Amino acid sequence: MFDRNHQRLRRARQTRAKISELAVVRLTVHRSNSHIYAQVIDPSGAKVLASASTIEPEVRASVKYGGNVKAAAEVGRRIAERAKKLGIEAVAFDRAGYKFHGRVKALAEAARAAGLKF
């Protein structure tokens, strides 16, 4: 039988196939139990343009624990600022097979509030 992570990766593959057809910049999310990571990746998928995560010293100083909604919102705000600094206004959101709730939703909403469109 397939484990939970294998099923998540199968769902993620479907999303990434659709995003690659659109040929747009994507904002991808990865979460673990104790941290959350976000990357802005170019349309070809070959280069990371910007990244933010809860393992950065500045984020660790502002939030106690990296595995909660407050930390995810901080990462969403930071990734949006970095993308806008590069001139990226619109992205496709790649939730990497995770459900759109909790930390993933908090990151997405914070990025939208900071001015990123998706």
C-alpha atoms as a PDB file:
ATOM      1  CA  MET A   1       0.000   0.000   0.000  1.00  0.00           C
ATOM      2  CA  PHE A   2       1.047   3.604  -0.484  1.00  0.00           C
ATOM      3  CA  ASP A   3       1.839   5.768   2.481  1.00  0.00           C
ATOM      4  CA  ARG A   4       0.436   9.221   3.178  1.00  0.00           C
ATOM      5  CA  ASN A   5       3.458  11.070   1.760  1.00  0.00           C
ATOM      6  CA  HIS A   6       3.257   9.115  -1.507  1.00  0.00           C
ATOM      7  CA  GLN A   7      -0.391  10.089  -1.858  1.00  0.00           C
ATOM      8  CA  ARG A   8       0.457  13.749  -1.190  1.00  0.00           C
ATOM      9  CA  LEU A   9       3.176  13.693  -3.849  1.00  0.00           C
ATOM     10  CA  ARG A  10       0.723  12.191  -6.356  1.00  0.00           C
ATOM     11  CA  ARG A  11      -1.708  15.067  -5.705  1.00  0.00           C
ATOM     12  CA  ALA A  12       1.160  17.564  -6.006  1.00  0.00           C
ATOM     13  CA  ARG A  13       2.169  16.160  -9.395  1.00  0.00           C
ATOM     14  CA  GLN A  14      -1.273  16.933 -10.810  1.00  0.00           C
ATOM     15  CA  THR A  15      -1.103  20.543  -9.639  1.00  0.00           C
ATOM     16  CA  ARG A  16       2.426  21.037 -10.945  1.00  0.00           C
ATOM     17  CA  ALA A  17       1.462  19.637 -14.351  1.00  0.00           C
ATOM     18  CA  LYS A  18      -1.305  22.244 -14.657  1.00  0.00           C
ATOM     19  CA  ILE A  19       0.992  25.061 -13.486  1.00  0.00           C
ATOM     20  CA  SER A  20       3.679  24.060 -15.999  1.00  0.00           C
ATOM     21  CA  GLU A  21       1.076  24.260 -18.793  1.00  0.00           C
ATOM     22  CA  LEU A  22       0.333  27.833 -17.732  1.00  0.00           C
ATOM     23  CA  ALA A  23       4.081  28.678 -17.731  1.00  0.00           C
ATOM     24  CA  VAL A  24       3.867  31.091 -14.801  1.00  0.00           C
ATOM     25  CA  VAL A  25       5.971  31.723 -11.712  1.00  0.00           C
ATOM     26  CA  ARG A  26       4.851  29.500  -8.831  1.00  0.00           C
ATOM     27  CA  LEU A  27       4.841  29.869  -5.079  1.00  0.00           C
ATOM     28  CA  THR A  28       5.387  26.445  -3.554  1.00  0.00           C
ATOM     29  CA  VAL A  29       4.984  25.442   0.084  1.00  0.00           C
ATOM     30  CA  HIS A  30       6.521  22.645   2.115  1.00  0.00           C
ATOM     31  CA  ARG A  31       5.625  21.974   5.711  1.00  0.00           C
ATOM     32  CA  SER A  32       7.086  19.696   8.332  1.00  0.00           C
ATOM     33  CA  ASN A  33       5.946  19.251  11.909  1.00  0.00           C
ATOM     34  CA  SER A  34       8.206  21.991  13.207  1.00  0.00           C
ATOM     35  CA  HIS A  35       8.810  24.329  10.225  1.00  0.00           C
ATOM     36  CA  ILE A  36       7.269  25.730   7.053  1.00  0.00           C
ATOM     37  CA  TYR A  37       9.110  26.715   3.876  1.00  0.00           C
ATOM     38  CA  ALA A  38       8.063  28.781   0.845  1.00  0.00           C
ATOM     39  CA  GLN A  39       9.824  29.252  -2.485  1.00  0.00           C
ATOM     40  CA  VAL A  40       9.099  31.302  -5.596  1.00  0.00           C
ATOM     41  CA  ILE A  41      10.214  29.244  -8.605  1.00  0.00           C
ATOM     42  CA  ASP A  42      10.628  30.448 -12.213  1.00  0.00           C
ATOM     43  CA  PRO A  43       8.278  29.127 -14.954  1.00  0.00           C
ATOM     44  CA  SER A  44      10.760  26.499 -16.159  1.00  0.00           C
ATOM     45  CA  GLY A  45      11.064  25.077 -12.645  1.00  0.00           C
ATOM     46  CA  ALA A  46      14.855  25.235 -12.827  1.00  0.00           C
ATOM     47  CA  LYS A  47      15.607  28.216 -10.596  1.00  0.00           C
ATOM     48  CA  VAL A  48      14.483  29.394  -7.161  1.00  0.00           C
ATOM     49  CA  LEU A  49      13.927  33.144  -7.346  1.00  0.00           C
ATOM     50  CA  ALA A  50      13.119  33.800  -3.664  1.00  0.00           C
ATOM     51  CA  SER A  51      12.648  31.777  -0.506  1.00  0.00           C
ATOM     52  CA  ALA A  52      11.553  32.189   3.105  1.00  0.00           C
ATOM     53  CA  SER A  53      11.196  29.769   5.997  1.00  0.00           C
ATOM     54  CA  THR A  54      10.901  29.502   9.747  1.00  0.00           C
ATOM     55  CA  ILE A  55      14.524  28.390  10.052  1.00  0.00           C
ATOM     56  CA  GLU A  56      15.793  31.894   9.227  1.00  0.00           C
ATOM     57  CA  PRO A  57      17.283  33.653  12.272  1.00  0.00           C
ATOM     58  CA  GLU A  58      15.082  36.759  11.859  1.00  0.00           C
ATOM     59  CA  VAL A  59      11.905  34.645  11.812  1.00  0.00           C
ATOM     60  CA  ARG A  60      13.063  32.510  14.748  1.00  0.00           C
ATOM     61  CA  ALA A  61      13.589  35.690  16.765  1.00  0.00           C
ATOM     62  CA  SER A  62      10.042  36.908  16.099  1.00  0.00           C
ATOM     63  CA  VAL A  63       8.134  33.625  16.600  1.00  0.00           C
ATOM     64  CA  LYS A  64       8.616  31.070  19.357  1.00  0.00           C
ATOM     65  CA  TYR A  65       7.773  27.943  17.358  1.00  0.00           C
ATOM     66  CA  GLY A  66       7.964  27.417  13.592  1.00  0.00           C
ATOM     67  CA  GLY A  67       5.161  24.873  13.335  1.00  0.00           C
ATOM     68  CA  ASN A  68       2.116  27.047  13.971  1.00  0.00           C
ATOM     69  CA  VAL A  69      -0.205  29.404  12.073  1.00  0.00           C
ATOM     70  CA  LYS A  70       1.489  32.559  13.381  1.00  0.00           C
ATOM     71  CA  ALA A  71       4.866  31.423  12.026  1.00  0.00           C
ATOM     72  CA  ALA A  72       3.315  30.451   8.681  1.00  0.00           C
ATOM     73  CA  ALA A  73       1.756  33.919   8.356  1.00  0.00           C
ATOM     74  CA  GLU A  74       5.147  35.524   8.998  1.00  0.00           C
ATOM     75  CA  VAL A  75       6.746  33.377   6.273  1.00  0.00           C
ATOM     76  CA  GLY A  76       3.917  34.297   3.866  1.00  0.00           C
ATOM     77  CA  ARG A  77       4.483  37.993   4.490  1.00  0.00           C
ATOM     78  CA  ARG A  78       8.258  37.658   3.998  1.00  0.00           C
ATOM     79  CA  ILE A  79       8.012  35.656   0.761  1.00  0.00           C
ATOM     80  CA  ALA A  80       5.567  38.204  -0.690  1.00  0.00           C
ATOM     81  CA  GLU A  81       7.929  41.073   0.157  1.00  0.00           C
ATOM     82  CA  ARG A  82      10.877  39.284  -1.453  1.00  0.00           C
ATOM     83  CA  ALA A  83       8.889  38.437  -4.595  1.00  0.00           C
ATOM     84  CA  LYS A  84       7.657  42.015  -4.957  1.00  0.00           C
ATOM     85  CA  LYS A  85      11.227  43.268  -4.554  1.00  0.00           C
ATOM     86  CA  LEU A  86      12.112  41.133  -7.610  1.00  0.00           C
ATOM     87  CA  GLY A  87       9.193  42.626  -9.548  1.00  0.00           C
ATOM     88  CA  ILE A  88       6.963  39.552  -9.293  1.00  0.00           C
ATOM     89  CA  GLU A  89       3.335  40.572  -8.781  1.00  0.00           C
ATOM     90  CA  ALA A  90       1.413  37.389  -9.675  1.00  0.00           C
ATOM     91  CA  VAL A  91       2.172  33.711  -9.005  1.00  0.00           C
ATOM     92  CA  ALA A  92       0.435  30.348  -9.148  1.00  0.00           C
ATOM     93  CA  PHE A  93       0.028  28.810  -5.682  1.00  0.00           C
ATOM     94  CA  ASP A  94       1.414  25.271  -5.424  1.00  0.00           C
ATOM     95  CA  ARG A  95       0.272  23.774  -2.138  1.00  0.00           C
ATOM     96  CA  ALA A  96       2.321  20.608  -2.855  1.00  0.00           C
ATOM     97  CA  GLY A  97      -0.573  18.248  -2.208  1.00  0.00           C
ATOM     98  CA  TYR A  98      -1.324  19.621   1.275  1.00  0.00           C
ATOM     99  CA  LYS A  99      -4.889  20.549   2.171  1.00  0.00           C
ATOM    100  CA  PHE A 100      -5.646  24.260   1.959  1.00  0.00           C
ATOM    101  CA  HIS A 101      -6.223  24.849   5.651  1.00  0.00           C
ATOM    102  CA  GLY A 102      -4.244  25.623   8.778  1.00  0.00           C
ATOM    103  CA  ARG A 103      -0.651  26.659   8.151  1.00  0.00           C
ATOM    104  CA  VAL A 104      -0.828  26.439   4.345  1.00  0.00           C
ATOM    105  CA  LYS A 105      -3.910  28.683   4.315  1.00  0.00           C
ATOM    106  CA  ALA A 106      -2.307  31.144   6.758  1.00  0.00           C
ATOM    107  CA  LEU A 107       0.791  31.421   4.559  1.00  0.00           C
ATOM    108  CA  ALA A 108      -1.313  31.994   1.436  1.00  0.00           C
ATOM    109  CA  GLU A 109      -3.546  34.612   3.051  1.00  0.00           C
ATOM    110  CA  ALA A 110      -0.558  36.503   4.488  1.00  0.00           C
ATOM    111  CA  ALA A 111       1.113  36.524   1.059  1.00  0.00           C
ATOM    112  CA  ARG A 112      -2.097  37.868  -0.507  1.00  0.00           C
ATOM    113  CA  ALA A 113      -2.391  40.528   2.190  1.00  0.00           C
ATOM    114  CA  ALA A 114       1.203  41.604   1.496  1.00  0.00           C
ATOM    115  CA  GLY A 115       0.310  42.216  -2.160  1.00  0.00           C
ATOM    116  CA  LEU A 116       1.036  38.980  -4.016  1.00  0.00           C
ATOM    117  CA  LYS A 117      -1.726  37.976  -6.461  1.00  0.00           C
ATOM    118  CA  PHE A 118      -2.823  34.363  -7.023  1.00  0.00           C
END
